[in-house]
Amino acid sequence: GVAKALLRTLLTWCRDKHVREVFLGTTAQFLAAHRFYEKNGFRELAKEALPENFPVMAVDTKFYLLALEPTEA
């Protein structure tokens, strides 16, 4: 439950700051992480579709995007 709580906190902060998209990179070997991201609404994304300023780490081969709905003010 800790990972879910941390993610919920992060996404609340993002929405409060009007962040519309959350991108992340991971390695192909972290299968449990892939399941966690996908279960929480992240969709796999091609590396070529990342923003130009996304900091790709050398070990990252798999990428995800979560589009956030704006919160009501």
Protein backbone atom coordinates (compact mmCIF):
# COMPACT_ATOMS: atom_id res chain seq x y z
CA GLY A 1 0.00 0.00 0.00
CA VAL A 2 2.97 2.34 0.43
CA ALA A 3 3.66 2.59 -3.32
CA LYS A 4 -0.01 3.33 -4.03
CA ALA A 5 -0.09 6.00 -1.30
CA LEU A 6 3.09 7.63 -2.64
CA LEU A 7 1.69 7.63 -6.17
CA ARG A 8 -1.59 9.13 -4.96
CA THR A 9 0.35 11.88 -3.15
CA LEU A 10 2.44 12.59 -6.24
CA LEU A 11 -0.61 12.79 -8.51
CA THR A 12 -2.44 15.09 -6.09
CA TRP A 13 0.59 17.38 -6.05
CA CYS A 14 0.78 17.29 -9.86
CA ARG A 15 -2.88 18.21 -10.23
CA ASP A 16 -2.52 21.02 -7.69
CA LYS A 17 0.39 22.38 -9.79
CA HIS A 18 -1.61 21.97 -13.03
CA VAL A 19 0.71 19.29 -14.39
CA ARG A 20 -1.14 17.62 -17.26
CA GLU A 21 1.18 14.68 -18.06
CA VAL A 22 3.48 12.43 -16.03
CA PHE A 23 6.22 10.60 -17.92
CA LEU A 24 8.51 7.92 -16.54
CA GLY A 25 11.23 5.61 -17.71
CA THR A 26 12.15 2.17 -16.43
CA THR A 27 14.06 -0.94 -17.44
CA ALA A 28 12.54 -3.87 -19.29
CA GLN A 29 13.40 -6.17 -16.36
CA PHE A 30 11.16 -4.46 -13.76
CA LEU A 31 8.02 -6.44 -14.58
CA ALA A 32 6.32 -5.78 -11.23
CA ALA A 33 6.83 -2.04 -11.76
CA HIS A 34 5.29 -2.32 -15.25
CA ARG A 35 2.21 -3.99 -13.79
CA PHE A 36 1.97 -1.33 -11.06
CA TYR A 37 2.18 1.54 -13.56
CA GLU A 38 -0.32 -0.04 -15.95
CA LYS A 39 -2.73 -0.89 -13.13
CA ASN A 40 -2.62 2.78 -12.13
CA GLY A 41 -3.45 4.16 -15.56
CA PHE A 42 -0.04 4.64 -17.15
CA ARG A 43 0.20 3.69 -20.81
CA GLU A 44 3.36 2.53 -22.55
CA LEU A 45 4.93 5.14 -24.79
CA ALA A 46 7.56 4.91 -27.53
CA LYS A 47 10.86 6.60 -26.66
CA GLU A 48 10.46 8.78 -29.74
CA ALA A 49 7.21 10.20 -28.32
CA LEU A 50 8.86 11.54 -25.14
CA PRO A 51 9.27 15.29 -24.73
CA GLU A 52 12.64 16.56 -25.97
CA ASN A 53 13.67 17.60 -22.46
CA PHE A 54 12.84 14.24 -20.82
CA PRO A 55 15.97 13.01 -18.97
CA VAL A 56 16.42 9.48 -20.36
CA MET A 57 18.73 7.39 -18.21
CA ALA A 58 21.04 4.90 -19.93
CA VAL A 59 19.23 1.90 -18.35
CA ASP A 60 15.74 3.07 -19.39
CA THR A 61 14.26 1.13 -22.28
CA LYS A 62 10.56 1.27 -21.45
CA PHE A 63 8.57 4.48 -21.04
CA TYR A 64 5.15 5.40 -19.71
CA LEU A 65 2.75 8.32 -19.78
CA LEU A 66 -0.15 9.20 -17.51
CA ALA A 67 -2.40 11.99 -18.76
CA LEU A 68 -4.02 13.81 -15.84
CA GLU A 69 -7.47 15.32 -15.83
CA PRO A 70 -7.52 18.85 -14.41
CA THR A 71 -9.13 19.22 -11.00
CA GLU A 72 -12.12 21.44 -10.44
CA ALA A 73 -11.15 24.78 -8.95
